């Protein structure tokens, strides 16, 4: 009788859990950007090497980010004078009630809009 061997590792992504999350998408113009938080979706979370959690959306894997990061992102956006579009309603820095239910989120923004956003942030910091 031969001894039992441990299974060999493979490179498949493991299904970790299911989570409700927002789809966050950035849209930038020449002077400002708007974050669009699309209605929440329920997706399976895959666990990648190093403990990184990702969600597959439109055949691409996106890193799952925390609700705390979403609140920070919204606060930063409002401080810059930009707007946030949340499920059919705009939230601006001038509104008294900015309460919303933060969920984990994935950023599905294009590379061009992310670069433009970083440029606008840098431009606003140099004005201060």
Protein backbone atom coordinates (compact mmCIF):
# COMPACT_ATOMS: atom_id res chain seq x y z
CA UNK A 1 0.00 0.00 0.00
CA UNK A 2 1.45 3.37 -1.06
CA UNK A 3 1.24 6.39 1.26
CA UNK A 4 -1.31 9.05 0.49
CA UNK A 5 0.08 12.17 -1.23
CA UNK A 6 -1.09 15.72 -0.73
CA UNK A 7 -2.90 17.27 -3.69
CA UNK A 8 -0.80 19.34 -6.05
CA UNK A 9 -1.48 23.09 -6.09
CA UNK A 10 -2.92 24.73 -9.18
CA UNK A 11 -3.37 28.27 -10.42
CA UNK A 12 -7.16 28.43 -10.41
CA UNK A 13 -8.81 31.30 -8.56
CA UNK A 14 -10.85 30.16 -5.62
CA UNK A 15 -14.41 31.30 -5.05
CA UNK A 16 -14.16 33.01 -1.70
CA UNK A 17 -17.63 34.45 -0.93
CA UNK A 18 -20.43 36.51 -2.38
CA UNK A 19 -20.76 40.25 -1.81
CA UNK A 20 -23.04 43.17 -2.62
CA UNK A 21 -21.01 46.00 -4.16
CA UNK A 22 -21.21 49.20 -6.18
CA UNK A 23 -19.85 49.68 -9.67
CA UNK A 24 -17.86 52.92 -9.44
CA UNK A 25 -17.12 54.67 -12.72
CA UNK A 26 -15.32 57.95 -13.20
CA UNK A 27 -16.28 60.35 -15.99
CA UNK A 28 -13.97 63.33 -16.52
CA UNK A 29 -14.37 66.49 -18.53
CA UNK A 30 -11.92 69.34 -18.96
CA UNK A 31 -12.50 70.97 -15.55
CA UNK A 32 -13.92 68.31 -13.25
CA UNK A 33 -14.87 64.69 -12.83
CA UNK A 34 -17.97 62.91 -11.59
CA UNK A 35 -18.04 59.56 -9.85
CA UNK A 36 -20.99 57.42 -10.91
CA UNK A 37 -21.92 54.78 -8.35
CA UNK A 38 -24.18 52.43 -10.22
CA UNK A 39 -26.79 50.45 -8.34
CA UNK A 40 -25.34 47.72 -6.23
CA UNK A 41 -24.78 44.28 -7.68
CA UNK A 42 -24.27 40.89 -6.08
CA UNK A 43 -21.14 39.10 -7.28
CA UNK A 44 -18.91 36.20 -6.37
CA UNK A 45 -15.55 37.19 -4.87
CA UNK A 46 -12.50 35.29 -6.10
CA UNK A 47 -9.46 34.96 -3.89
CA UNK A 48 -6.17 35.60 -5.69
CA UNK A 49 -2.65 34.83 -4.46
CA UNK A 50 -1.58 37.16 -1.68
CA UNK A 51 -5.12 37.34 -0.28
CA UNK A 52 -6.32 39.82 -2.92
CA UNK A 53 -10.07 39.72 -3.50
CA UNK A 54 -11.35 40.39 -7.02
CA UNK A 55 -14.70 40.39 -8.77
CA UNK A 56 -15.22 39.46 -12.39
CA UNK A 57 -17.23 42.04 -14.33
CA UNK A 58 -17.52 42.03 -18.13
CA UNK A 59 -14.84 39.33 -18.41
CA UNK A 60 -12.25 41.36 -16.43
CA UNK A 61 -11.21 40.97 -12.81
CA UNK A 62 -11.43 44.13 -10.67
CA UNK A 63 -10.02 44.50 -7.17
CA UNK A 64 -12.71 44.68 -4.49
CA UNK A 65 -12.28 47.85 -2.44
CA UNK A 66 -13.66 48.56 1.02
CA UNK A 67 -16.67 50.67 2.05
CA UNK A 68 -14.26 52.86 4.04
CA UNK A 69 -12.33 53.60 0.83
CA UNK A 70 -15.61 54.51 -0.89
CA UNK A 71 -16.45 57.05 1.85
CA UNK A 72 -12.95 58.54 1.50
CA UNK A 73 -13.30 58.72 -2.27
CA UNK A 74 -16.69 60.48 -2.04
CA UNK A 75 -15.42 62.94 0.60
CA UNK A 76 -12.34 63.74 -1.52
CA UNK A 77 -14.49 64.24 -4.60
CA UNK A 78 -16.83 66.63 -2.79
CA UNK A 79 -13.89 68.62 -1.37
CA UNK A 80 -12.58 69.07 -4.91
CA UNK A 81 -15.93 70.56 -5.90
CA UNK A 82 -16.91 67.58 -8.01
CA UNK A 83 -20.12 65.61 -7.87
CA UNK A 84 -21.09 62.07 -7.11
CA UNK A 85 -23.98 60.41 -8.91
CA UNK A 86 -25.52 57.72 -6.75
CA UNK A 87 -28.34 55.65 -8.20
CA UNK A 88 -30.08 58.46 -10.08
CA UNK A 89 -29.37 61.20 -7.53
CA UNK A 90 -26.50 63.69 -7.43
CA UNK A 91 -24.65 64.38 -4.21
CA UNK A 92 -22.74 67.66 -4.18
CA UNK A 93 -20.57 69.37 -1.57
CA UNK A 94 -23.25 72.00 -0.93
CA UNK A 95 -25.89 69.51 0.20
CA UNK A 96 -26.45 69.10 3.90
CA UNK A 97 -27.49 65.45 3.68
CA UNK A 98 -24.74 63.39 2.10
CA UNK A 99 -25.64 60.16 3.83
CA UNK A 100 -25.53 56.98 1.78
CA UNK A 101 -25.04 53.32 2.50
CA UNK A 102 -21.41 52.52 1.65
CA UNK A 103 -20.77 49.07 0.25
CA UNK A 104 -17.58 47.55 -1.06
CA UNK A 105 -17.00 48.61 -4.67
CA UNK A 106 -15.07 47.91 -7.82
CA UNK A 107 -13.66 50.66 -10.00
CA UNK A 108 -14.60 50.10 -13.65
CA UNK A 109 -13.27 53.47 -14.86
CA UNK A 110 -11.23 53.75 -18.02
CA UNK A 111 -7.48 54.37 -17.79
CA UNK A 112 -7.91 57.72 -19.55
CA UNK A 113 -10.43 58.98 -16.97
CA UNK A 114 -8.25 57.82 -14.08
CA UNK A 115 -5.26 59.68 -15.54
CA UNK A 116 -7.38 62.80 -16.09
CA UNK A 117 -8.63 62.59 -12.49
CA UNK A 118 -5.08 62.39 -11.14
CA UNK A 119 -4.11 65.42 -13.27
CA UNK A 120 -7.05 67.42 -11.94
CA UNK A 121 -6.19 66.49 -8.35
CA UNK A 122 -2.56 67.53 -8.88
CA UNK A 123 -3.69 70.79 -10.49
CA UNK A 124 -6.00 71.58 -7.54
CA UNK A 125 -3.23 70.83 -5.02
CA UNK A 126 -0.85 73.28 -6.69
CA UNK A 127 -3.50 76.02 -6.42
CA UNK A 128 -3.64 75.66 -2.62
